[in-house]
Amino acid sequence: MRILVVEDEALLADAIAEGLRHEAFAVDIASDGEAALERLSVNDYDVMVLDRDLPKLHGDEVCRRSVAAGAEVRILMLTVSTTVTERVAGLSLGADDYLTKPFAFTELVARVRALGRRARPAAAPILERAGIRLDPHHRETYRENRYISLSRKEFAVLEELLRAEGAFVSAEDLLERVWDENIDPFTTIVRGTIRGLRRKLGDPPVVETVAGVGYRIR
């Protein structure tokens, strides 16, 4: 999944982003409301973790405008307020979920995953195809009951291929969903990651490549 973290406290934003990247998510950061809307206009995100109290443009307005624009991103709103009235107000603007600061990071991850499942057609909790079994929650991968140790990016690429259920996924789509906005669009990193994934998955090969089309798990 690709996530936008909108938080003006730099240390907190970096901590959230690094933690989510450790869970194999692609993460971008915006430090104010205007920057958030700009990123939403050029990138497709599954989930936006949105602080309510933002400079330049309040989080409520970011939420309202993104919903009004028809953005498909799911919104997890963060706030220091604990009152029911404030939570209801945020949800009425179009937020999908609410989390009060301070929060346990494990809960943040669980809520992001839950919203991500709603951001596109629901997938089974365990993804299985061609003898591969991938558990997104525990970040475990097996092939024919053999445990396979994958890097975060290899895991994320494999998850995208399995979610496609046999359809091709282009290199451009993988860059969009697995890496963040700082990646060079002309990089060969997808090809290198696929190469490493094939090596670790072993024989017989299951990742098919068609030049100019993309990759799939047969």
N, C-alpha and C. Protein backbone atom coordinates (compact mmCIF):
# COMPACT_ATOMS: atom_id res chain seq x y z
N MET A 1 0.84 -1.20 0.00
CA MET A 1 0.00 0.00 0.00
C MET A 1 0.87 1.25 0.00
N ARG A 2 0.32 2.32 -0.53
CA ARG A 2 1.01 3.61 -0.50
C ARG A 2 0.27 4.54 0.44
N ILE A 3 1.01 5.18 1.33
CA ILE A 3 0.42 5.96 2.41
C ILE A 3 0.99 7.37 2.42
N LEU A 4 0.13 8.34 2.68
CA LEU A 4 0.56 9.73 2.87
C LEU A 4 0.40 10.09 4.34
N VAL A 5 1.50 10.47 4.98
CA VAL A 5 1.47 10.91 6.37
C VAL A 5 1.51 12.43 6.37
N VAL A 6 0.48 13.05 6.94
CA VAL A 6 0.40 14.52 6.99
C VAL A 6 0.50 14.93 8.46
N GLU A 7 1.66 15.44 8.82
CA GLU A 7 1.95 15.75 10.22
C GLU A 7 3.01 16.85 10.26
N ASP A 8 2.74 17.93 11.02
CA ASP A 8 3.67 19.05 11.04
C ASP A 8 4.78 18.89 12.08
N GLU A 9 4.64 17.95 13.00
CA GLU A 9 5.73 17.67 13.94
C GLU A 9 6.70 16.72 13.26
N ALA A 10 7.85 17.25 12.87
CA ALA A 10 8.78 16.50 12.02
C ALA A 10 9.22 15.18 12.64
N LEU A 11 9.54 15.19 13.92
CA LEU A 11 10.01 13.97 14.56
C LEU A 11 8.92 12.90 14.56
N LEU A 12 7.70 13.30 14.85
CA LEU A 12 6.60 12.35 14.85
C LEU A 12 6.32 11.83 13.44
N ALA A 13 6.33 12.75 12.48
CA ALA A 13 6.09 12.34 11.09
C ALA A 13 7.13 11.33 10.63
N ASP A 14 8.40 11.60 10.94
CA ASP A 14 9.48 10.69 10.53
C ASP A 14 9.34 9.34 11.24
N ALA A 15 8.95 9.37 12.52
CA ALA A 15 8.80 8.12 13.27
C ALA A 15 7.67 7.27 12.70
N ILE A 16 6.55 7.92 12.38
CA ILE A 16 5.42 7.19 11.80
C ILE A 16 5.80 6.61 10.45
N ALA A 17 6.44 7.44 9.62
CA ALA A 17 6.83 7.00 8.28
C ALA A 17 7.80 5.84 8.34
N GLU A 18 8.81 5.95 9.20
CA GLU A 18 9.81 4.88 9.29
C GLU A 18 9.18 3.59 9.79
N GLY A 19 8.29 3.71 10.76
CA GLY A 19 7.61 2.52 11.27
C GLY A 19 6.75 1.85 10.21
N LEU A 20 6.04 2.66 9.42
CA LEU A 20 5.19 2.10 8.37
C LEU A 20 6.04 1.49 7.25
N ARG A 21 7.16 2.12 6.94
CA ARG A 21 8.06 1.53 5.93
C ARG A 21 8.59 0.19 6.40
N HIS A 22 8.82 0.06 7.70
CA HIS A 22 9.28 -1.21 8.24
C HIS A 22 8.22 -2.30 8.04
N GLU A 23 6.96 -1.88 7.91
CA GLU A 23 5.87 -2.82 7.65
C GLU A 23 5.67 -3.05 6.15
N ALA A 24 6.61 -2.58 5.35
CA ALA A 24 6.62 -2.77 3.88
C ALA A 24 5.63 -1.89 3.15
N PHE A 25 5.24 -0.75 3.75
CA PHE A 25 4.41 0.22 3.06
C PHE A 25 5.30 1.26 2.37
N ALA A 26 4.81 1.84 1.29
CA ALA A 26 5.46 2.99 0.67
C ALA A 26 4.85 4.24 1.32
N VAL A 27 5.70 5.14 1.78
CA VAL A 27 5.22 6.28 2.57
C VAL A 27 5.80 7.60 2.08
N ASP A 28 4.93 8.60 1.88
CA ASP A 28 5.34 9.97 1.62
C ASP A 28 4.90 10.82 2.81
N ILE A 29 5.56 11.97 2.98
CA ILE A 29 5.25 12.87 4.10
C ILE A 29 4.91 14.26 3.58
N ALA A 30 3.89 14.86 4.16
CA ALA A 30 3.56 16.27 3.93
C ALA A 30 3.49 16.94 5.30
N SER A 31 4.06 18.16 5.40
CA SER A 31 4.14 18.82 6.71
C SER A 31 3.07 19.87 6.93
N ASP A 32 2.22 20.11 5.92
CA ASP A 32 1.13 21.07 6.11
C ASP A 32 -0.02 20.69 5.17
N GLY A 33 -1.16 21.35 5.37
CA GLY A 33 -2.35 20.99 4.61
C GLY A 33 -2.24 21.25 3.12
N GLU A 34 -1.60 22.35 2.75
CA GLU A 34 -1.46 22.66 1.32
C GLU A 34 -0.59 21.63 0.61
N ALA A 35 0.50 21.22 1.26
CA ALA A 35 1.38 20.21 0.68
C ALA A 35 0.65 18.88 0.54
N ALA A 36 -0.22 18.59 1.50
CA ALA A 36 -0.99 17.34 1.43
C ALA A 36 -1.89 17.32 0.21
N LEU A 37 -2.61 18.42 -0.04
CA LEU A 37 -3.50 18.47 -1.20
C LEU A 37 -2.72 18.39 -2.51
N GLU A 38 -1.54 19.00 -2.52
CA GLU A 38 -0.70 18.94 -3.72
C GLU A 38 -0.30 17.50 -4.03
N ARG A 39 0.13 16.76 -3.00
CA ARG A 39 0.53 15.37 -3.21
C ARG A 39 -0.67 14.50 -3.60
N LEU A 40 -1.81 14.77 -3.02
CA LEU A 40 -3.01 14.01 -3.38
C LEU A 40 -3.41 14.24 -4.83
N SER A 41 -3.06 15.40 -5.36
CA SER A 41 -3.44 15.71 -6.75
C SER A 41 -2.56 15.00 -7.77
N VAL A 42 -1.38 14.54 -7.35
CA VAL A 42 -0.46 13.92 -8.32
C VAL A 42 -0.18 12.45 -8.04
N ASN A 43 -0.48 11.97 -6.84
CA ASN A 43 -0.22 10.58 -6.49
C ASN A 43 -1.49 9.88 -6.03
N ASP A 44 -1.56 8.60 -6.24
CA ASP A 44 -2.67 7.79 -5.76
C ASP A 44 -2.26 7.12 -4.45
N TYR A 45 -2.97 7.45 -3.38
CA TYR A 45 -2.68 6.86 -2.08
C TYR A 45 -3.83 5.96 -1.64
N ASP A 46 -3.48 4.90 -0.92
CA ASP A 46 -4.51 4.04 -0.35
C ASP A 46 -5.05 4.64 0.95
N VAL A 47 -4.13 5.17 1.77
CA VAL A 47 -4.51 5.70 3.09
C VAL A 47 -3.76 7.00 3.34
N MET A 48 -4.46 7.96 3.95
CA MET A 48 -3.82 9.19 4.41
C MET A 48 -3.95 9.25 5.92
N VAL A 49 -2.81 9.31 6.60
CA VAL A 49 -2.78 9.51 8.05
C VAL A 49 -2.69 11.02 8.25
N LEU A 50 -3.79 11.61 8.70
CA LEU A 50 -3.96 13.07 8.66
C LEU A 50 -4.08 13.67 10.05
N ASP A 51 -3.06 14.45 10.43
CA ASP A 51 -3.15 15.20 11.68
C ASP A 51 -4.20 16.29 11.53
N ARG A 52 -4.97 16.53 12.56
CA ARG A 52 -6.05 17.50 12.43
C ARG A 52 -5.56 18.94 12.53
N ASP A 53 -4.60 19.18 13.40
CA ASP A 53 -4.12 20.55 13.62
C ASP A 53 -2.89 20.80 12.77
N LEU A 54 -3.10 21.35 11.56
CA LEU A 54 -2.02 21.57 10.61
C LEU A 54 -1.86 23.04 10.29
N PRO A 55 -0.64 23.47 9.95
CA PRO A 55 -0.45 24.85 9.49
C PRO A 55 -0.91 25.01 8.04
N LYS A 56 -1.10 26.26 7.63
CA LYS A 56 -1.48 26.66 6.27
C LYS A 56 -2.91 26.26 5.90
N LEU A 57 -3.25 25.01 6.15
CA LEU A 57 -4.62 24.55 5.87
C LEU A 57 -4.97 23.48 6.89
N HIS A 58 -6.04 23.72 7.64
CA HIS A 58 -6.42 22.82 8.73
C HIS A 58 -6.72 21.42 8.19
N GLY A 59 -6.46 20.41 9.02
CA GLY A 59 -6.73 19.04 8.63
C GLY A 59 -8.18 18.80 8.25
N ASP A 60 -9.11 19.48 8.93
CA ASP A 60 -10.52 19.35 8.59
C ASP A 60 -10.77 19.76 7.14
N GLU A 61 -10.11 20.84 6.71
CA GLU A 61 -10.31 21.34 5.35
C GLU A 61 -9.66 20.41 4.34
N VAL A 62 -8.51 19.86 4.69
CA VAL A 62 -7.87 18.87 3.82
C VAL A 62 -8.79 17.68 3.61
N CYS A 63 -9.39 17.21 4.70
CA CYS A 63 -10.32 16.09 4.63
C CYS A 63 -11.53 16.45 3.77
N ARG A 64 -12.11 17.61 4.02
CA ARG A 64 -13.30 18.01 3.28
C ARG A 64 -13.02 18.13 1.79
N ARG A 65 -11.90 18.76 1.44
CA ARG A 65 -11.58 18.97 0.02
C ARG A 65 -11.26 17.66 -0.70
N SER A 66 -10.55 16.76 -0.02
CA SER A 66 -10.20 15.50 -0.66
C SER A 66 -11.45 14.66 -0.92
N VAL A 67 -12.38 14.68 0.02
CA VAL A 67 -13.65 13.96 -0.17
C VAL A 67 -14.47 14.61 -1.27
N ALA A 68 -14.54 15.94 -1.28
CA ALA A 68 -15.31 16.66 -2.30
C ALA A 68 -14.75 16.43 -3.70
N ALA A 69 -13.42 16.23 -3.78
CA ALA A 69 -12.78 16.00 -5.07
C ALA A 69 -12.95 14.57 -5.56
N GLY A 70 -13.54 13.73 -4.73
CA GLY A 70 -13.76 12.35 -5.12
C GLY A 70 -12.55 11.46 -4.95
N ALA A 71 -11.57 11.89 -4.15
CA ALA A 71 -10.38 11.07 -3.92
C ALA A 71 -10.77 9.76 -3.25
N GLU A 72 -10.16 8.68 -3.69
CA GLU A 72 -10.49 7.36 -3.15
C GLU A 72 -9.67 7.01 -1.92
N VAL A 73 -8.78 7.91 -1.52
CA VAL A 73 -7.93 7.64 -0.37
C VAL A 73 -8.78 7.52 0.91
N ARG A 74 -8.43 6.55 1.73
CA ARG A 74 -9.07 6.40 3.04
C ARG A 74 -8.33 7.27 4.05
N ILE A 75 -9.07 7.89 4.95
CA ILE A 75 -8.48 8.90 5.83
C ILE A 75 -8.53 8.45 7.29
N LEU A 76 -7.35 8.37 7.90
CA LEU A 76 -7.24 8.13 9.33
C LEU A 76 -6.82 9.44 9.97
N MET A 77 -7.72 10.04 10.73
CA MET A 77 -7.45 11.35 11.31
C MET A 77 -6.84 11.22 12.70
N LEU A 78 -5.77 12.00 12.94
CA LEU A 78 -5.10 12.02 14.24
C LEU A 78 -5.43 13.32 14.96
N THR A 79 -5.62 13.25 16.26
CA THR A 79 -5.92 14.45 17.03
C THR A 79 -5.58 14.24 18.50
N VAL A 80 -5.36 15.33 19.20
CA VAL A 80 -5.14 15.24 20.65
C VAL A 80 -6.46 15.29 21.40
N SER A 81 -7.54 15.62 20.72
CA SER A 81 -8.84 15.74 21.37
C SER A 81 -9.41 14.36 21.69
N THR A 82 -10.01 14.25 22.84
CA THR A 82 -10.60 12.97 23.25
C THR A 82 -12.12 13.05 23.35
N THR A 83 -12.71 14.19 23.01
CA THR A 83 -14.15 14.34 23.17
C THR A 83 -14.91 13.66 22.03
N VAL A 84 -16.07 13.15 22.36
CA VAL A 84 -16.91 12.50 21.35
C VAL A 84 -17.32 13.51 20.28
N THR A 85 -17.60 14.74 20.71
CA THR A 85 -18.04 15.78 19.76
C THR A 85 -16.99 16.01 18.69
N GLU A 86 -15.72 16.08 19.10
CA GLU A 86 -14.64 16.30 18.13
C GLU A 86 -14.50 15.11 17.19
N ARG A 87 -14.61 13.90 17.72
CA ARG A 87 -14.49 12.72 16.86
C ARG A 87 -15.63 12.66 15.85
N VAL A 88 -16.83 12.97 16.30
CA VAL A 88 -17.98 12.96 15.41
C VAL A 88 -17.81 14.02 14.32
N ALA A 89 -17.29 15.19 14.70
CA ALA A 89 -17.09 16.26 13.73
C ALA A 89 -16.11 15.82 12.64
N GLY A 90 -15.02 15.15 13.03
CA GLY A 90 -14.05 14.68 12.06
C GLY A 90 -14.63 13.63 11.14
N LEU A 91 -15.38 12.70 11.68
CA LEU A 91 -15.98 11.65 10.87
C LEU A 91 -17.04 12.21 9.93
N SER A 92 -17.73 13.25 10.37
CA SER A 92 -18.77 13.85 9.53
C SER A 92 -18.18 14.56 8.32
N LEU A 93 -16.91 14.93 8.40
CA LEU A 93 -16.24 15.58 7.26
C LEU A 93 -15.82 14.57 6.19
N GLY A 94 -15.88 13.30 6.54
CA GLY A 94 -15.52 12.26 5.58
C GLY A 94 -14.36 11.38 6.00
N ALA A 95 -13.80 11.61 7.20
CA ALA A 95 -12.74 10.73 7.69
C ALA A 95 -13.30 9.33 7.89
N ASP A 96 -12.47 8.33 7.63
CA ASP A 96 -12.91 6.94 7.77
C ASP A 96 -12.65 6.37 9.16
N ASP A 97 -11.68 6.94 9.85
CA ASP A 97 -11.34 6.45 11.18
C ASP A 97 -10.66 7.56 11.95
N TYR A 98 -10.53 7.35 13.24
CA TYR A 98 -10.05 8.39 14.14
C TYR A 98 -9.11 7.76 15.15
N LEU A 99 -7.98 8.40 15.44
CA LEU A 99 -7.05 7.90 16.44
C LEU A 99 -6.55 9.06 17.27
N THR A 100 -6.62 8.89 18.58
CA THR A 100 -6.26 9.96 19.50
C THR A 100 -4.79 9.86 19.90
N LYS A 101 -4.11 11.01 19.88
CA LYS A 101 -2.73 11.08 20.37
C LYS A 101 -2.73 11.17 21.89
N PRO A 102 -1.76 10.57 22.55
CA PRO A 102 -0.75 9.63 22.02
C PRO A 102 -1.39 8.28 21.74
N PHE A 103 -0.77 7.52 20.83
CA PHE A 103 -1.35 6.24 20.44
C PHE A 103 -0.26 5.17 20.40
N ALA A 104 -0.68 3.93 20.47
CA ALA A 104 0.25 2.81 20.32
C ALA A 104 0.48 2.59 18.83
N PHE A 105 1.74 2.45 18.44
CA PHE A 105 2.03 2.31 17.02
C PHE A 105 1.39 1.06 16.44
N THR A 106 1.31 0.00 17.23
CA THR A 106 0.68 -1.22 16.74
C THR A 106 -0.77 -0.99 16.37
N GLU A 107 -1.44 -0.12 17.13
CA GLU A 107 -2.84 0.20 16.79
C GLU A 107 -2.91 1.01 15.50
N LEU A 108 -1.98 1.95 15.33
CA LEU A 108 -1.94 2.73 14.09
C LEU A 108 -1.78 1.80 12.88
N VAL A 109 -0.86 0.86 12.97
CA VAL A 109 -0.62 -0.07 11.87
C VAL A 109 -1.87 -0.89 11.59
N ALA A 110 -2.52 -1.37 12.65
CA ALA A 110 -3.73 -2.18 12.47
C ALA A 110 -4.83 -1.39 11.79
N ARG A 111 -4.98 -0.14 12.17
CA ARG A 111 -6.02 0.70 11.56
C ARG A 111 -5.68 1.03 10.11
N VAL A 112 -4.40 1.28 9.82
CA VAL A 112 -3.98 1.54 8.44
C VAL A 112 -4.24 0.32 7.57
N ARG A 113 -3.91 -0.86 8.07
CA ARG A 113 -4.16 -2.08 7.30
C ARG A 113 -5.65 -2.27 7.04
N ALA A 114 -6.46 -2.02 8.05
CA ALA A 114 -7.90 -2.19 7.90
C ALA A 114 -8.45 -1.22 6.85
N LEU A 115 -7.99 0.03 6.88
CA LEU A 115 -8.43 1.00 5.89
C LEU A 115 -7.92 0.65 4.50
N GLY A 116 -6.69 0.12 4.43
CA GLY A 116 -6.13 -0.27 3.15
C GLY A 116 -6.94 -1.36 2.48
N ARG A 117 -7.49 -2.26 3.28
CA ARG A 117 -8.32 -3.32 2.71
C ARG A 117 -9.60 -2.76 2.12
N ARG A 118 -10.03 -1.62 2.65
CA ARG A 118 -11.25 -0.99 2.13
C ARG A 118 -10.97 -0.08 0.94
N ALA A 119 -9.68 0.23 0.70
CA ALA A 119 -9.32 1.16 -0.37
C ALA A 119 -9.36 0.53 -1.75
N ARG A 120 -9.42 -0.78 -1.80
CA ARG A 120 -9.51 -1.51 -3.06
C ARG A 120 -10.23 -2.81 -2.78
N PRO A 121 -10.56 -3.61 -3.80
CA PRO A 121 -11.29 -4.85 -3.54
C PRO A 121 -10.62 -5.68 -2.46
N ALA A 122 -11.42 -6.14 -1.53
CA ALA A 122 -10.88 -6.85 -0.37
C ALA A 122 -10.14 -8.11 -0.80
N ALA A 123 -9.02 -8.34 -0.18
CA ALA A 123 -8.24 -9.56 -0.42
C ALA A 123 -8.31 -10.42 0.83
N ALA A 124 -8.07 -11.71 0.64
CA ALA A 124 -8.08 -12.62 1.77
C ALA A 124 -6.95 -12.25 2.73
N PRO A 125 -7.13 -12.51 4.04
CA PRO A 125 -6.08 -12.19 5.01
C PRO A 125 -4.76 -12.88 4.68
N ILE A 126 -4.84 -14.09 4.13
CA ILE A 126 -3.66 -14.83 3.68
C ILE A 126 -3.73 -14.95 2.16
N LEU A 127 -2.69 -14.53 1.46
CA LEU A 127 -2.67 -14.58 0.00
C LEU A 127 -1.94 -15.84 -0.45
N GLU A 128 -2.57 -16.62 -1.32
CA GLU A 128 -1.99 -17.88 -1.77
C GLU A 128 -2.14 -18.03 -3.28
N ARG A 129 -1.06 -18.46 -3.92
CA ARG A 129 -1.08 -18.73 -5.35
C ARG A 129 0.21 -19.45 -5.74
N ALA A 130 0.08 -20.42 -6.63
CA ALA A 130 1.24 -21.13 -7.18
C ALA A 130 2.15 -21.70 -6.10
N GLY A 131 1.56 -22.17 -5.01
CA GLY A 131 2.33 -22.75 -3.93
C GLY A 131 2.95 -21.74 -2.99
N ILE A 132 2.66 -20.45 -3.21
CA ILE A 132 3.18 -19.37 -2.36
C ILE A 132 2.11 -18.98 -1.35
N ARG A 133 2.51 -18.80 -0.13
CA ARG A 133 1.60 -18.37 0.94
C ARG A 133 2.20 -17.14 1.61
N LEU A 134 1.48 -16.02 1.55
CA LEU A 134 1.98 -14.76 2.09
C LEU A 134 1.00 -14.23 3.14
N ASP A 135 1.54 -13.94 4.31
CA ASP A 135 0.76 -13.42 5.43
C ASP A 135 1.15 -11.96 5.65
N PRO A 136 0.33 -11.00 5.16
CA PRO A 136 0.69 -9.57 5.28
C PRO A 136 0.79 -9.10 6.73
N HIS A 137 -0.04 -9.65 7.60
CA HIS A 137 -0.07 -9.18 8.98
C HIS A 137 1.22 -9.55 9.72
N HIS A 138 1.67 -10.78 9.57
CA HIS A 138 2.88 -11.22 10.25
C HIS A 138 4.13 -11.07 9.39
N ARG A 139 3.95 -10.63 8.13
CA ARG A 139 5.04 -10.46 7.18
C ARG A 139 5.85 -11.74 7.05
N GLU A 140 5.14 -12.82 6.76
CA GLU A 140 5.77 -14.12 6.56
C GLU A 140 5.43 -14.65 5.17
N THR A 141 6.39 -15.31 4.55
CA THR A 141 6.20 -15.88 3.22
C THR A 141 6.70 -17.32 3.19
N TYR A 142 5.91 -18.19 2.57
CA TYR A 142 6.28 -19.59 2.43
C TYR A 142 6.04 -20.02 0.98
N ARG A 143 6.89 -20.94 0.52
CA ARG A 143 6.62 -21.62 -0.75
C ARG A 143 6.72 -23.11 -0.50
N GLU A 144 5.62 -23.80 -0.74
CA GLU A 144 5.54 -25.24 -0.46
C GLU A 144 6.02 -25.52 0.96
N ASN A 145 5.52 -24.71 1.91
CA ASN A 145 5.82 -24.85 3.34
C ASN A 145 7.27 -24.51 3.70
N ARG A 146 8.02 -23.97 2.78
CA ARG A 146 9.40 -23.54 3.06
C ARG A 146 9.40 -22.04 3.32
N TYR A 147 9.89 -21.66 4.51
CA TYR A 147 9.92 -20.24 4.86
C TYR A 147 10.91 -19.50 3.98
N ILE A 148 10.52 -18.32 3.50
CA ILE A 148 11.36 -17.52 2.62
C ILE A 148 11.56 -16.14 3.26
N SER A 149 12.81 -15.78 3.48
CA SER A 149 13.13 -14.49 4.06
C SER A 149 13.25 -13.45 2.95
N LEU A 150 12.38 -12.45 2.97
CA LEU A 150 12.35 -11.42 1.94
C LEU A 150 12.67 -10.06 2.53
N SER A 151 13.27 -9.20 1.72
CA SER A 151 13.43 -7.80 2.12
C SER A 151 12.06 -7.13 2.12
N ARG A 152 11.98 -5.94 2.69
CA ARG A 152 10.69 -5.24 2.73
C ARG A 152 10.14 -4.98 1.34
N LYS A 153 10.99 -4.57 0.42
CA LYS A 153 10.52 -4.27 -0.94
C LYS A 153 10.16 -5.55 -1.69
N GLU A 154 10.93 -6.62 -1.51
CA GLU A 154 10.58 -7.88 -2.14
C GLU A 154 9.23 -8.37 -1.64
N PHE A 155 9.02 -8.25 -0.34
CA PHE A 155 7.74 -8.66 0.24
C PHE A 155 6.59 -7.84 -0.35
N ALA A 156 6.78 -6.52 -0.43
CA ALA A 156 5.72 -5.64 -0.93
C ALA A 156 5.42 -5.90 -2.40
N VAL A 157 6.46 -6.16 -3.20
CA VAL A 157 6.25 -6.47 -4.62
C VAL A 157 5.50 -7.78 -4.75
N LEU A 158 5.90 -8.80 -3.99
CA LEU A 158 5.21 -10.08 -4.04
C LEU A 158 3.75 -9.94 -3.62
N GLU A 159 3.49 -9.13 -2.61
CA GLU A 159 2.11 -8.92 -2.18
C GLU A 159 1.28 -8.31 -3.30
N GLU A 160 1.83 -7.32 -4.01
CA GLU A 160 1.10 -6.70 -5.12
C GLU A 160 0.83 -7.71 -6.23
N LEU A 161 1.80 -8.56 -6.53
CA LEU A 161 1.61 -9.56 -7.58
C LEU A 161 0.55 -10.58 -7.18
N LEU A 162 0.55 -10.98 -5.93
CA LEU A 162 -0.45 -11.94 -5.47
C LEU A 162 -1.84 -11.33 -5.44
N ARG A 163 -1.92 -10.07 -5.06
CA ARG A 163 -3.24 -9.40 -5.04
C ARG A 163 -3.82 -9.26 -6.45
N ALA A 164 -2.96 -9.25 -7.45
CA ALA A 164 -3.44 -9.11 -8.84
C ALA A 164 -4.10 -10.39 -9.35
N GLU A 165 -3.96 -11.50 -8.61
CA GLU A 165 -4.64 -12.76 -8.92
C GLU A 165 -4.41 -13.23 -10.35
N GLY A 166 -3.15 -13.20 -10.77
CA GLY A 166 -2.80 -13.71 -12.09
C GLY A 166 -2.75 -12.66 -13.19
N ALA A 167 -3.23 -11.46 -12.91
CA ALA A 167 -3.16 -10.38 -13.90
C ALA A 167 -1.75 -9.77 -13.88
N PHE A 168 -1.39 -9.15 -15.00
CA PHE A 168 -0.08 -8.49 -15.07
C PHE A 168 -0.10 -7.18 -14.28
N VAL A 169 1.02 -6.90 -13.63
CA VAL A 169 1.22 -5.63 -12.93
C VAL A 169 2.43 -4.97 -13.58
N SER A 170 2.26 -3.75 -14.08
CA SER A 170 3.34 -3.08 -14.78
C SER A 170 4.41 -2.59 -13.80
N ALA A 171 5.61 -2.35 -14.33
CA ALA A 171 6.68 -1.80 -13.51
C ALA A 171 6.29 -0.43 -12.97
N GLU A 172 5.56 0.35 -13.78
CA GLU A 172 5.11 1.68 -13.34
C GLU A 172 4.17 1.57 -12.15
N ASP A 173 3.26 0.59 -12.19
CA ASP A 173 2.33 0.41 -11.07
C ASP A 173 3.07 -0.04 -9.82
N LEU A 174 4.06 -0.90 -9.98
CA LEU A 174 4.85 -1.33 -8.83
C LEU A 174 5.62 -0.17 -8.22
N LEU A 175 6.19 0.69 -9.06
CA LEU A 175 6.87 1.88 -8.54
C LEU A 175 5.90 2.77 -7.77
N GLU A 176 4.69 2.90 -8.29
CA GLU A 176 3.68 3.76 -7.67
C GLU A 176 3.24 3.22 -6.31
N ARG A 177 3.13 1.89 -6.19
CA ARG A 177 2.52 1.32 -5.00
C ARG A 177 3.53 0.86 -3.96
N VAL A 178 4.77 0.60 -4.36
CA VAL A 178 5.75 0.03 -3.43
C VAL A 178 6.82 1.03 -3.01
N TRP A 179 7.15 1.98 -3.89
CA TRP A 179 8.16 2.98 -3.57
C TRP A 179 7.51 4.34 -3.35
N ASP A 180 8.23 5.29 -2.78
CA ASP A 180 7.65 6.60 -2.51
C ASP A 180 7.96 7.59 -3.64
N GLU A 181 7.55 8.84 -3.44
CA GLU A 181 7.64 9.83 -4.51
C GLU A 181 9.07 10.24 -4.86
N ASN A 182 10.04 9.87 -4.03
CA ASN A 182 11.42 10.25 -4.28
C ASN A 182 12.14 9.31 -5.24
N ILE A 183 11.48 8.24 -5.65
CA ILE A 183 12.13 7.27 -6.52
C ILE A 183 12.26 7.83 -7.94
N ASP A 184 13.38 7.55 -8.57
CA ASP A 184 13.61 7.95 -9.95
C ASP A 184 12.72 7.11 -10.87
N PRO A 185 11.83 7.73 -11.66
CA PRO A 185 10.93 6.96 -12.52
C PRO A 185 11.65 6.14 -13.58
N PHE A 186 12.91 6.45 -13.84
CA PHE A 186 13.67 5.72 -14.85
C PHE A 186 14.59 4.66 -14.22
N THR A 187 14.42 4.42 -12.95
CA THR A 187 15.26 3.46 -12.26
C THR A 187 14.97 2.03 -12.72
N THR A 188 15.96 1.17 -12.53
CA THR A 188 15.77 -0.26 -12.82
C THR A 188 15.55 -1.05 -11.54
N ILE A 189 15.15 -0.36 -10.49
CA ILE A 189 15.02 -1.01 -9.18
C ILE A 189 13.95 -2.10 -9.18
N VAL A 190 12.89 -1.92 -9.97
CA VAL A 190 11.85 -2.95 -10.03
C VAL A 190 12.44 -4.24 -10.60
N ARG A 191 13.18 -4.11 -11.69
CA ARG A 191 13.79 -5.27 -12.32
C ARG A 191 14.72 -5.98 -11.35
N GLY A 192 15.51 -5.20 -10.60
CA GLY A 192 16.43 -5.80 -9.64
C GLY A 192 15.70 -6.50 -8.51
N THR A 193 14.61 -5.90 -8.04
CA THR A 193 13.82 -6.50 -6.96
C THR A 193 13.16 -7.80 -7.43
N ILE A 194 12.64 -7.79 -8.65
CA ILE A 194 12.04 -9.00 -9.21
C ILE A 194 13.10 -10.11 -9.34
N ARG A 195 14.31 -9.72 -9.76
CA ARG A 195 15.39 -10.70 -9.89
C ARG A 195 15.69 -11.36 -8.54
N GLY A 196 15.78 -10.55 -7.49
CA GLY A 196 16.03 -11.09 -6.16
C GLY A 196 14.87 -11.95 -5.68
N LEU A 197 13.66 -11.54 -5.99
CA LEU A 197 12.48 -12.30 -5.59
C LEU A 197 12.47 -13.67 -6.26
N ARG A 198 12.76 -13.69 -7.55
CA ARG A 198 12.81 -14.97 -8.28
C ARG A 198 13.85 -15.92 -7.66
N ARG A 199 15.01 -15.35 -7.35
CA ARG A 199 16.08 -16.19 -6.78
C ARG A 199 15.65 -16.81 -5.46
N LYS A 200 14.98 -16.03 -4.62
CA LYS A 200 14.59 -16.53 -3.30
C LYS A 200 13.41 -17.50 -3.38
N LEU A 201 12.51 -17.28 -4.34
CA LEU A 201 11.37 -18.18 -4.49
C LEU A 201 11.79 -19.53 -5.05
N GLY A 202 12.88 -19.56 -5.81
CA GLY A 202 13.42 -20.82 -6.30
C GLY A 202 12.69 -21.39 -7.50
N ASP A 203 12.98 -22.65 -7.78
CA ASP A 203 12.40 -23.34 -8.94
C ASP A 203 11.21 -24.20 -8.53
N PRO A 204 10.30 -24.44 -9.47
CA PRO A 204 10.25 -23.85 -10.81
C PRO A 204 9.85 -22.38 -10.73
N PRO A 205 10.29 -21.55 -11.71
CA PRO A 205 9.98 -20.12 -11.68
C PRO A 205 8.48 -19.87 -11.71
N VAL A 206 8.02 -18.88 -10.95
CA VAL A 206 6.59 -18.56 -10.93
C VAL A 206 6.30 -17.12 -11.32
N VAL A 207 7.33 -16.27 -11.37
CA VAL A 207 7.12 -14.87 -11.74
C VAL A 207 7.38 -14.73 -13.24
N GLU A 208 6.33 -14.44 -13.98
CA GLU A 208 6.44 -14.31 -15.43
C GLU A 208 6.63 -12.84 -15.81
N THR A 209 7.48 -12.59 -16.79
CA THR A 209 7.72 -11.24 -17.30
C THR A 209 7.35 -11.18 -18.78
N VAL A 210 6.61 -10.15 -19.16
CA VAL A 210 6.34 -9.87 -20.56
C VAL A 210 6.80 -8.44 -20.81
N ALA A 211 7.78 -8.27 -21.70
CA ALA A 211 8.34 -6.95 -21.98
C ALA A 211 7.26 -5.99 -22.40
N GLY A 212 7.27 -4.80 -21.80
CA GLY A 212 6.30 -3.77 -22.12
C GLY A 212 4.95 -3.96 -21.48
N VAL A 213 4.74 -5.08 -20.77
CA VAL A 213 3.47 -5.35 -20.10
C VAL A 213 3.63 -5.35 -18.60
N GLY A 214 4.52 -6.21 -18.10
CA GLY A 214 4.73 -6.24 -16.67
C GLY A 214 5.02 -7.63 -16.15
N TYR A 215 4.62 -7.88 -14.90
CA TYR A 215 4.94 -9.11 -14.21
C TYR A 215 3.66 -9.73 -13.63
N ARG A 216 3.70 -11.05 -13.47
CA ARG A 216 2.57 -11.72 -12.81
C ARG A 216 3.03 -13.04 -12.22
N ILE A 217 2.24 -13.50 -11.24
CA ILE A 217 2.43 -14.84 -10.68
C ILE A 217 1.50 -15.76 -11.47
N ARG A 218 2.08 -16.71 -12.17
CA ARG A 218 1.28 -17.58 -13.03
C ARG A 218 0.41 -18.54 -12.23
